[in-house]
Amino acid sequence: MAIVGTAPRFAQRRSGPAAANPQLQQVHLDAGSTSEWHPCFEVEDCDAALTRARELGATVIIPAMDAGGVGRLAMFLDPFGAPFAVLRSAGR
C-alpha cells in the first residue's frame, strides 16, 4: 500500500459548488459512522489499504465500495476511535 502524494487533496465537482453533504445510509450509521468531516487519504489500491488498515487494528465502518464518479473508497476507525477514509480516485 502506498499513499500518493504528500499534500492534502480535496474533492471538487467539475461544475457547481466544491462541497458535498452526502446522506449516510442507515447501515453505515449503525456501524458507527457519523455525518462529519473525515480525513481522506488517496491510495494506489483501496482494497489493499483496507486489508492493511484492518491488520493494523482499524475497524472497518464502510467496506471498500465504488462511488460513481468519485472512485473506490472505504472508511475506518483507527485503534483510538478516530475516523478516516481511503480513496482511489476515479480516472487514476
PDB file of N, CA and C in Angstrom:
ATOM      1  N   MET A   1       0.845  -1.176   0.000  1.00  0.00           N
ATOM      2  CA  MET A   1       0.000   0.000   0.000  1.00  0.00           C
ATOM      3  C   MET A   1       0.884   1.230   0.000  1.00  0.00           C
ATOM      4  N   ALA A   2       0.601   2.148  -0.891  1.00  0.00           N
ATOM      5  CA  ALA A   2       1.353   3.390  -0.942  1.00  0.00           C
ATOM      6  C   ALA A   2       0.388   4.553  -0.901  1.00  0.00           C
ATOM      7  N   ILE A   3       0.703   5.532  -0.075  1.00  0.00           N
ATOM      8  CA  ILE A   3      -0.095   6.750  -0.052  1.00  0.00           C
ATOM      9  C   ILE A   3       0.461   7.657  -1.131  1.00  0.00           C
ATOM     10  N   VAL A   4      -0.401   8.200  -1.964  1.00  0.00           N
ATOM     11  CA  VAL A   4       0.015   9.007  -3.094  1.00  0.00           C
ATOM     12  C   VAL A   4       0.147  10.459  -2.674  1.00  0.00           C
ATOM     13  N   GLY A   5       1.293  11.059  -2.945  1.00  0.00           N
ATOM     14  CA  GLY A   5       1.490  12.483  -2.687  1.00  0.00           C
ATOM     15  C   GLY A   5       1.670  12.790  -1.211  1.00  0.00           C
ATOM     16  N   THR A   6       2.007  14.043  -0.938  1.00  0.00           N
ATOM     17  CA  THR A   6       2.226  14.453   0.441  1.00  0.00           C
ATOM     18  C   THR A   6       1.299  15.574   0.866  1.00  0.00           C
ATOM     19  N   ALA A   7       0.642  16.214  -0.068  1.00  0.00           N
ATOM     20  CA  ALA A   7      -0.251  17.326   0.264  1.00  0.00           C
ATOM     21  C   ALA A   7      -1.685  16.822   0.369  1.00  0.00           C
ATOM     22  N   PRO A   8      -2.490  17.432   1.232  1.00  0.00           N
ATOM     23  CA  PRO A   8      -3.893  17.021   1.315  1.00  0.00           C
ATOM     24  C   PRO A   8      -4.612  17.305   0.002  1.00  0.00           C
ATOM     25  N   ARG A   9      -5.592  16.465  -0.315  1.00  0.00           N
ATOM     26  CA  ARG A   9      -6.401  16.651  -1.520  1.00  0.00           C
ATOM     27  C   ARG A   9      -7.837  16.901  -1.097  1.00  0.00           C
ATOM     28  N   PHE A  10      -8.517  17.704  -1.851  1.00  0.00           N
ATOM     29  CA  PHE A  10      -9.913  17.992  -1.569  1.00  0.00           C
ATOM     30  C   PHE A  10     -10.731  17.630  -2.796  1.00  0.00           C
ATOM     31  N   ALA A  11     -11.828  16.926  -2.583  1.00  0.00           N
ATOM     32  CA  ALA A  11     -12.698  16.559  -3.696  1.00  0.00           C
ATOM     33  C   ALA A  11     -13.475  17.783  -4.148  1.00  0.00           C
ATOM     34  N   GLN A  12     -13.502  17.983  -5.440  1.00  0.00           N
ATOM     35  CA  GLN A  12     -14.260  19.083  -6.001  1.00  0.00           C
ATOM     36  C   GLN A  12     -15.058  18.576  -7.188  1.00  0.00           C
ATOM     37  N   ARG A  13     -16.233  19.129  -7.376  1.00  0.00           N
ATOM     38  CA  ARG A  13     -17.024  18.798  -8.547  1.00  0.00           C
ATOM     39  C   ARG A  13     -16.567  19.690  -9.691  1.00  0.00           C
ATOM     40  N   ARG A  14     -16.669  19.191 -10.909  1.00  0.00           N
ATOM     41  CA  ARG A  14     -16.232  19.970 -12.065  1.00  0.00           C
ATOM     42  C   ARG A  14     -17.187  21.122 -12.375  1.00  0.00           C
ATOM     43  N   SER A  15     -18.415  21.045 -11.876  1.00  0.00           N
ATOM     44  CA  SER A  15     -19.353  22.152 -12.031  1.00  0.00           C
ATOM     45  C   SER A  15     -20.148  22.260 -10.740  1.00  0.00           C
ATOM     46  N   GLY A  16     -20.563  23.446 -10.402  1.00  0.00           N
ATOM     47  CA  GLY A  16     -21.314  23.635  -9.169  1.00  0.00           C
ATOM     48  C   GLY A  16     -20.391  23.841  -7.987  1.00  0.00           C
ATOM     49  N   PRO A  17     -20.953  23.882  -6.788  1.00  0.00           N
ATOM     50  CA  PRO A  17     -20.158  24.141  -5.588  1.00  0.00           C
ATOM     51  C   PRO A  17     -19.145  23.039  -5.325  1.00  0.00           C
ATOM     52  N   ALA A  18     -18.034  23.396  -4.710  1.00  0.00           N
ATOM     53  CA  ALA A  18     -16.965  22.443  -4.404  1.00  0.00           C
ATOM     54  C   ALA A  18     -17.136  21.892  -3.000  1.00  0.00           C
ATOM     55  N   ALA A  19     -18.300  21.405  -2.701  1.00  0.00           N
ATOM     56  CA  ALA A  19     -18.568  20.827  -1.384  1.00  0.00           C
ATOM     57  C   ALA A  19     -19.659  19.782  -1.541  1.00  0.00           C
ATOM     58  N   ALA A  20     -19.718  18.890  -0.575  1.00  0.00           N
ATOM     59  CA  ALA A  20     -20.746  17.850  -0.628  1.00  0.00           C
ATOM     60  C   ALA A  20     -21.251  17.575   0.778  1.00  0.00           C
ATOM     61  N   ASN A  21     -22.505  17.197   0.856  1.00  0.00           N
ATOM     62  CA  ASN A  21     -23.097  16.809   2.133  1.00  0.00           C
ATOM     63  C   ASN A  21     -23.928  15.549   1.889  1.00  0.00           C
ATOM     64  N   PRO A  22     -23.231  14.404   1.653  1.00  0.00           N
ATOM     65  CA  PRO A  22     -23.989  13.194   1.340  1.00  0.00           C
ATOM     66  C   PRO A  22     -24.724  12.658   2.558  1.00  0.00           C
ATOM     67  N   GLN A  23     -25.850  12.035   2.306  1.00  0.00           N
ATOM     68  CA  GLN A  23     -26.611  11.386   3.373  1.00  0.00           C
ATOM     69  C   GLN A  23     -26.076   9.969   3.541  1.00  0.00           C
ATOM     70  N   LEU A  24     -25.668   9.636   4.754  1.00  0.00           N
ATOM     71  CA  LEU A  24     -25.165   8.291   5.016  1.00  0.00           C
ATOM     72  C   LEU A  24     -26.322   7.300   5.048  1.00  0.00           C
ATOM     73  N   GLN A  25     -26.068   6.114   4.535  1.00  0.00           N
ATOM     74  CA  GLN A  25     -27.065   5.053   4.588  1.00  0.00           C
ATOM     75  C   GLN A  25     -27.186   4.556   6.027  1.00  0.00           C
ATOM     76  N   GLN A  26     -28.341   4.063   6.393  1.00  0.00           N
ATOM     77  CA  GLN A  26     -28.588   3.597   7.759  1.00  0.00           C
ATOM     78  C   GLN A  26     -27.598   2.523   8.186  1.00  0.00           C
ATOM     79  N   VAL A  27     -27.241   1.628   7.276  1.00  0.00           N
ATOM     80  CA  VAL A  27     -26.297   0.558   7.611  1.00  0.00           C
ATOM     81  C   VAL A  27     -24.953   1.146   8.050  1.00  0.00           C
ATOM     82  N   HIS A  28     -24.535   2.266   7.452  1.00  0.00           N
ATOM     83  CA  HIS A  28     -23.270   2.896   7.827  1.00  0.00           C
ATOM     84  C   HIS A  28     -23.398   3.625   9.167  1.00  0.00           C
ATOM     85  N   LEU A  29     -24.537   4.254   9.397  1.00  0.00           N
ATOM     86  CA  LEU A  29     -24.776   4.893  10.694  1.00  0.00           C
ATOM     87  C   LEU A  29     -24.777   3.838  11.805  1.00  0.00           C
ATOM     88  N   ASP A  30     -25.404   2.698  11.532  1.00  0.00           N
ATOM     89  CA  ASP A  30     -25.452   1.613  12.516  1.00  0.00           C
ATOM     90  C   ASP A  30     -24.060   1.058  12.824  1.00  0.00           C
ATOM     91  N   ALA A  31     -23.139   1.144  11.834  1.00  0.00           N
ATOM     92  CA  ALA A  31     -21.775   0.636  12.024  1.00  0.00           C
ATOM     93  C   ALA A  31     -20.887   1.618  12.774  1.00  0.00           C
ATOM     94  N   GLY A  32     -21.392   2.838  13.024  1.00  0.00           N
ATOM     95  CA  GLY A  32     -20.612   3.795  13.808  1.00  0.00           C
ATOM     96  C   GLY A  32     -20.170   5.027  13.067  1.00  0.00           C
ATOM     97  N   SER A  33     -20.456   5.129  11.777  1.00  0.00           N
ATOM     98  CA  SER A  33     -20.085   6.322  11.034  1.00  0.00           C
ATOM     99  C   SER A  33     -21.023   7.469  11.406  1.00  0.00           C
ATOM    100  N   THR A  34     -20.509   8.670  11.395  1.00  0.00           N
ATOM    101  CA  THR A  34     -21.326   9.847  11.684  1.00  0.00           C
ATOM    102  C   THR A  34     -21.150  10.873  10.577  1.00  0.00           C
ATOM    103  N   SER A  35     -22.077  11.797  10.479  1.00  0.00           N
ATOM    104  CA  SER A  35     -22.001  12.862   9.475  1.00  0.00           C
ATOM    105  C   SER A  35     -21.076  13.953   9.982  1.00  0.00           C
ATOM    106  N   GLU A  36     -19.843  13.873   9.586  1.00  0.00           N
ATOM    107  CA  GLU A  36     -18.826  14.858   9.955  1.00  0.00           C
ATOM    108  C   GLU A  36     -17.698  14.745   8.938  1.00  0.00           C
ATOM    109  N   TRP A  37     -16.778  15.690   8.984  1.00  0.00           N
ATOM    110  CA  TRP A  37     -15.633  15.637   8.083  1.00  0.00           C
ATOM    111  C   TRP A  37     -14.660  14.583   8.583  1.00  0.00           C
ATOM    112  N   HIS A  38     -14.163  13.767   7.657  1.00  0.00           N
ATOM    113  CA  HIS A  38     -13.175  12.740   7.979  1.00  0.00           C
ATOM    114  C   HIS A  38     -11.945  12.964   7.105  1.00  0.00           C
ATOM    115  N   PRO A  39     -10.741  12.763   7.664  1.00  0.00           N
ATOM    116  CA  PRO A  39      -9.562  12.807   6.800  1.00  0.00           C
ATOM    117  C   PRO A  39      -9.670  11.693   5.762  1.00  0.00           C
ATOM    118  N   CYS A  40      -9.272  11.997   4.548  1.00  0.00           N
ATOM    119  CA  CYS A  40      -9.337  11.025   3.460  1.00  0.00           C
ATOM    120  C   CYS A  40      -7.963  10.968   2.796  1.00  0.00           C
ATOM    121  N   PHE A  41      -7.413   9.781   2.694  1.00  0.00           N
ATOM    122  CA  PHE A  41      -6.085   9.595   2.128  1.00  0.00           C
ATOM    123  C   PHE A  41      -6.186   8.924   0.768  1.00  0.00           C
ATOM    124  N   GLU A  42      -5.570   9.529  -0.243  1.00  0.00           N
ATOM    125  CA  GLU A  42      -5.511   8.940  -1.577  1.00  0.00           C
ATOM    126  C   GLU A  42      -4.545   7.763  -1.543  1.00  0.00           C
ATOM    127  N   VAL A  43      -4.983   6.614  -2.058  1.00  0.00           N
ATOM    128  CA  VAL A  43      -4.149   5.412  -2.073  1.00  0.00           C
ATOM    129  C   VAL A  43      -4.114   4.824  -3.480  1.00  0.00           C
ATOM    130  N   GLU A  44      -3.099   3.999  -3.730  1.00  0.00           N
ATOM    131  CA  GLU A  44      -2.980   3.320  -5.019  1.00  0.00           C
ATOM    132  C   GLU A  44      -4.026   2.221  -5.179  1.00  0.00           C
ATOM    133  N   ASP A  45      -4.348   1.526  -4.077  1.00  0.00           N
ATOM    134  CA  ASP A  45      -5.240   0.362  -4.126  1.00  0.00           C
ATOM    135  C   ASP A  45      -6.116   0.364  -2.870  1.00  0.00           C
ATOM    136  N   CYS A  46      -7.386   0.691  -3.023  1.00  0.00           N
ATOM    137  CA  CYS A  46      -8.302   0.805  -1.893  1.00  0.00           C
ATOM    138  C   CYS A  46      -8.459  -0.530  -1.155  1.00  0.00           C
ATOM    139  N   ASP A  47      -8.564  -1.615  -1.889  1.00  0.00           N
ATOM    140  CA  ASP A  47      -8.770  -2.920  -1.252  1.00  0.00           C
ATOM    141  C   ASP A  47      -7.536  -3.356  -0.460  1.00  0.00           C
ATOM    142  N   ALA A  48      -6.342  -3.092  -1.005  1.00  0.00           N
ATOM    143  CA  ALA A  48      -5.110  -3.417  -0.277  1.00  0.00           C
ATOM    144  C   ALA A  48      -4.987  -2.536   0.967  1.00  0.00           C
ATOM    145  N   ALA A  49      -5.380  -1.275   0.849  1.00  0.00           N
ATOM    146  CA  ALA A  49      -5.339  -0.364   2.005  1.00  0.00           C
ATOM    147  C   ALA A  49      -6.303  -0.836   3.087  1.00  0.00           C
ATOM    148  N   LEU A  50      -7.479  -1.320   2.689  1.00  0.00           N
ATOM    149  CA  LEU A  50      -8.445  -1.843   3.658  1.00  0.00           C
ATOM    150  C   LEU A  50      -7.853  -3.039   4.397  1.00  0.00           C
ATOM    151  N   THR A  51      -7.251  -3.957   3.667  1.00  0.00           N
ATOM    152  CA  THR A  51      -6.643  -5.136   4.291  1.00  0.00           C
ATOM    153  C   THR A  51      -5.555  -4.724   5.276  1.00  0.00           C
ATOM    154  N   ARG A  52      -4.688  -3.805   4.873  1.00  0.00           N
ATOM    155  CA  ARG A  52      -3.584  -3.378   5.735  1.00  0.00           C
ATOM    156  C   ARG A  52      -4.095  -2.624   6.958  1.00  0.00           C
ATOM    157  N   ALA A  53      -5.075  -1.744   6.774  1.00  0.00           N
ATOM    158  CA  ALA A  53      -5.633  -0.997   7.906  1.00  0.00           C
ATOM    159  C   ALA A  53      -6.235  -1.959   8.928  1.00  0.00           C
ATOM    160  N   ARG A  54      -6.940  -2.970   8.444  1.00  0.00           N
ATOM    161  CA  ARG A  54      -7.529  -3.977   9.339  1.00  0.00           C
ATOM    162  C   ARG A  54      -6.419  -4.732  10.087  1.00  0.00           C
ATOM    163  N   GLU A  55      -5.349  -5.096   9.397  1.00  0.00           N
ATOM    164  CA  GLU A  55      -4.221  -5.781  10.043  1.00  0.00           C
ATOM    165  C   GLU A  55      -3.599  -4.931  11.150  1.00  0.00           C
ATOM    166  N   LEU A  56      -3.629  -3.605  10.966  1.00  0.00           N
ATOM    167  CA  LEU A  56      -3.032  -2.694  11.937  1.00  0.00           C
ATOM    168  C   LEU A  56      -4.001  -2.277  13.037  1.00  0.00           C
ATOM    169  N   GLY A  57      -5.205  -2.868  13.063  1.00  0.00           N
ATOM    170  CA  GLY A  57      -6.132  -2.636  14.156  1.00  0.00           C
ATOM    171  C   GLY A  57      -7.288  -1.708  13.869  1.00  0.00           C
ATOM    172  N   ALA A  58      -7.432  -1.251  12.622  1.00  0.00           N
ATOM    173  CA  ALA A  58      -8.566  -0.383  12.289  1.00  0.00           C
ATOM    174  C   ALA A  58      -9.856  -1.202  12.238  1.00  0.00           C
ATOM    175  N   THR A  59     -10.958  -0.553  12.566  1.00  0.00           N
ATOM    176  CA  THR A  59     -12.293  -1.140  12.445  1.00  0.00           C
ATOM    177  C   THR A  59     -12.914  -0.616  11.163  1.00  0.00           C
ATOM    178  N   VAL A  60     -13.377  -1.509  10.313  1.00  0.00           N
ATOM    179  CA  VAL A  60     -13.987  -1.108   9.049  1.00  0.00           C
ATOM    180  C   VAL A  60     -15.411  -0.626   9.313  1.00  0.00           C
ATOM    181  N   ILE A  61     -15.695   0.609   8.928  1.00  0.00           N
ATOM    182  CA  ILE A  61     -17.056   1.159   9.047  1.00  0.00           C
ATOM    183  C   ILE A  61     -17.790   0.978   7.732  1.00  0.00           C
ATOM    184  N   ILE A  62     -17.130   1.345   6.631  1.00  0.00           N
ATOM    185  CA  ILE A  62     -17.703   1.186   5.292  1.00  0.00           C
ATOM    186  C   ILE A  62     -16.699   0.366   4.481  1.00  0.00           C
ATOM    187  N   PRO A  63     -17.051  -0.863   4.123  1.00  0.00           N
ATOM    188  CA  PRO A  63     -16.142  -1.673   3.314  1.00  0.00           C
ATOM    189  C   PRO A  63     -15.860  -1.001   1.973  1.00  0.00           C
ATOM    190  N   ALA A  64     -14.793  -1.415   1.315  1.00  0.00           N
ATOM    191  CA  ALA A  64     -14.446  -0.847   0.008  1.00  0.00           C
ATOM    192  C   ALA A  64     -15.649  -0.910  -0.924  1.00  0.00           C
ATOM    193  N   MET A  65     -15.938   0.217  -1.533  1.00  0.00           N
ATOM    194  CA  MET A  65     -17.084   0.299  -2.438  1.00  0.00           C
ATOM    195  C   MET A  65     -16.783   1.308  -3.531  1.00  0.00           C
ATOM    196  N   ASP A  66     -17.434   1.139  -4.670  1.00  0.00           N
ATOM    197  CA  ASP A  66     -17.300   2.082  -5.770  1.00  0.00           C
ATOM    198  C   ASP A  66     -18.329   3.186  -5.591  1.00  0.00           C
ATOM    199  N   ALA A  67     -17.866   4.426  -5.670  1.00  0.00           N
ATOM    200  CA  ALA A  67     -18.747   5.594  -5.601  1.00  0.00           C
ATOM    201  C   ALA A  67     -18.703   6.260  -6.965  1.00  0.00           C
ATOM    202  N   GLY A  68     -19.806   6.195  -7.679  1.00  0.00           N
ATOM    203  CA  GLY A  68     -19.876   6.691  -9.049  1.00  0.00           C
ATOM    204  C   GLY A  68     -19.288   8.080  -9.233  1.00  0.00           C
ATOM    205  N   GLY A  69     -18.343   8.194 -10.155  1.00  0.00           N
ATOM    206  CA  GLY A  69     -17.733   9.472 -10.467  1.00  0.00           C
ATOM    207  C   GLY A  69     -16.699   9.937  -9.469  1.00  0.00           C
ATOM    208  N   VAL A  70     -16.550   9.233  -8.348  1.00  0.00           N
ATOM    209  CA  VAL A  70     -15.594   9.622  -7.309  1.00  0.00           C
ATOM    210  C   VAL A  70     -14.413   8.662  -7.299  1.00  0.00           C
ATOM    211  N   GLY A  71     -14.689   7.373  -7.231  1.00  0.00           N
ATOM    212  CA  GLY A  71     -13.651   6.357  -7.181  1.00  0.00           C
ATOM    213  C   GLY A  71     -14.040   5.240  -6.238  1.00  0.00           C
ATOM    214  N   ARG A  72     -13.060   4.531  -5.750  1.00  0.00           N
ATOM    215  CA  ARG A  72     -13.294   3.435  -4.806  1.00  0.00           C
ATOM    216  C   ARG A  72     -12.835   3.898  -3.436  1.00  0.00           C
ATOM    217  N   LEU A  73     -13.689   3.723  -2.421  1.00  0.00           N
ATOM    218  CA  LEU A  73     -13.365   4.245  -1.097  1.00  0.00           C
ATOM    219  C   LEU A  73     -13.755   3.270  -0.005  1.00  0.00           C
ATOM    220  N   ALA A  74     -13.172   3.475   1.167  1.00  0.00           N
ATOM    221  CA  ALA A  74     -13.509   2.714   2.375  1.00  0.00           C
ATOM    222  C   ALA A  74     -13.325   3.646   3.562  1.00  0.00           C
ATOM    223  N   MET A  75     -14.051   3.382   4.653  1.00  0.00           N
ATOM    224  CA  MET A  75     -13.946   4.222   5.848  1.00  0.00           C
ATOM    225  C   MET A  75     -13.692   3.346   7.067  1.00  0.00           C
ATOM    226  N   PHE A  76     -12.923   3.905   8.017  1.00  0.00           N
ATOM    227  CA  PHE A  76     -12.467   3.163   9.183  1.00  0.00           C
ATOM    228  C   PHE A  76     -12.531   4.004  10.449  1.00  0.00           C
ATOM    229  N   LEU A  77     -12.349   3.325  11.575  1.00  0.00           N
ATOM    230  CA  LEU A  77     -11.982   3.947  12.844  1.00  0.00           C
ATOM    231  C   LEU A  77     -10.599   3.403  13.178  1.00  0.00           C
ATOM    232  N   ASP A  78      -9.660   4.284  13.518  1.00  0.00           N
ATOM    233  CA  ASP A  78      -8.340   3.790  13.911  1.00  0.00           C
ATOM    234  C   ASP A  78      -8.446   3.155  15.305  1.00  0.00           C
ATOM    235  N   PRO A  79      -7.390   2.512  15.809  1.00  0.00           N
ATOM    236  CA  PRO A  79      -7.479   1.827  17.101  1.00  0.00           C
ATOM    237  C   PRO A  79      -7.866   2.743  18.272  1.00  0.00           C
ATOM    238  N   PHE A  80      -7.752   4.064  18.081  1.00  0.00           N
ATOM    239  CA  PHE A  80      -8.121   5.011  19.135  1.00  0.00           C
ATOM    240  C   PHE A  80      -9.507   5.613  18.918  1.00  0.00           C
ATOM    241  N   GLY A  81     -10.193   5.182  17.845  1.00  0.00           N
ATOM    242  CA  GLY A  81     -11.549   5.642  17.578  1.00  0.00           C
ATOM    243  C   GLY A  81     -11.671   6.813  16.620  1.00  0.00           C
ATOM    244  N   ALA A  82     -10.551   7.283  16.063  1.00  0.00           N
ATOM    245  CA  ALA A  82     -10.609   8.410  15.120  1.00  0.00           C
ATOM    246  C   ALA A  82     -11.008   7.910  13.730  1.00  0.00           C
ATOM    247  N   PRO A  83     -11.992   8.556  13.097  1.00  0.00           N
ATOM    248  CA  PRO A  83     -12.429   8.124  11.771  1.00  0.00           C
ATOM    249  C   PRO A  83     -11.476   8.615  10.684  1.00  0.00           C
ATOM    250  N   PHE A  84     -11.352   7.808   9.619  1.00  0.00           N
ATOM    251  CA  PHE A  84     -10.613   8.227   8.427  1.00  0.00           C
ATOM    252  C   PHE A  84     -11.077   7.384   7.259  1.00  0.00           C
ATOM    253  N   ALA A  85     -10.751   7.835   6.077  1.00  0.00           N
ATOM    254  CA  ALA A  85     -11.141   7.124   4.869  1.00  0.00           C
ATOM    255  C   ALA A  85      -9.954   7.024   3.930  1.00  0.00           C
ATOM    256  N   VAL A  86     -10.016   6.061   3.019  1.00  0.00           N
ATOM    257  CA  VAL A  86      -9.049   5.952   1.932  1.00  0.00           C
ATOM    258  C   VAL A  86      -9.814   5.994   0.627  1.00  0.00           C
ATOM    259  N   LEU A  87      -9.173   6.519  -0.407  1.00  0.00           N
ATOM    260  CA  LEU A  87      -9.822   6.716  -1.697  1.00  0.00           C
ATOM    261  C   LEU A  87      -8.845   6.448  -2.820  1.00  0.00           C
ATOM    262  N   ARG A  88      -9.289   5.702  -3.799  1.00  0.00           N
ATOM    263  CA  ARG A  88      -8.601   5.587  -5.075  1.00  0.00           C
ATOM    264  C   ARG A  88      -9.487   6.355  -6.046  1.00  0.00           C
ATOM    265  N   SER A  89      -9.041   7.567  -6.420  1.00  0.00           N
ATOM    266  CA  SER A  89      -9.861   8.443  -7.249  1.00  0.00           C
ATOM    267  C   SER A  89     -10.169   7.812  -8.611  1.00  0.00           C
ATOM    268  N   ALA A  90     -11.360   8.085  -9.107  1.00  0.00           N
ATOM    269  CA  ALA A  90     -11.753   7.627 -10.436  1.00  0.00           C
ATOM    270  C   ALA A  90     -10.827   8.254 -11.469  1.00  0.00           C
ATOM    271  N   GLY A  91     -10.504   7.487 -12.495  1.00  0.00           N
ATOM    272  CA  GLY A  91      -9.693   8.023 -13.567  1.00  0.00           C
ATOM    273  C   GLY A  91      -8.201   8.019 -13.312  1.00  0.00           C
ATOM    274  N   ARG A  92      -7.770   7.459 -12.211  1.00  0.00           N
ATOM    275  CA  ARG A  92      -6.331   7.412 -11.931  1.00  0.00           C
ATOM    276  C   ARG A  92      -5.751   6.133 -12.431  1.00  0.00           C
TER     277      ARG A  92
END
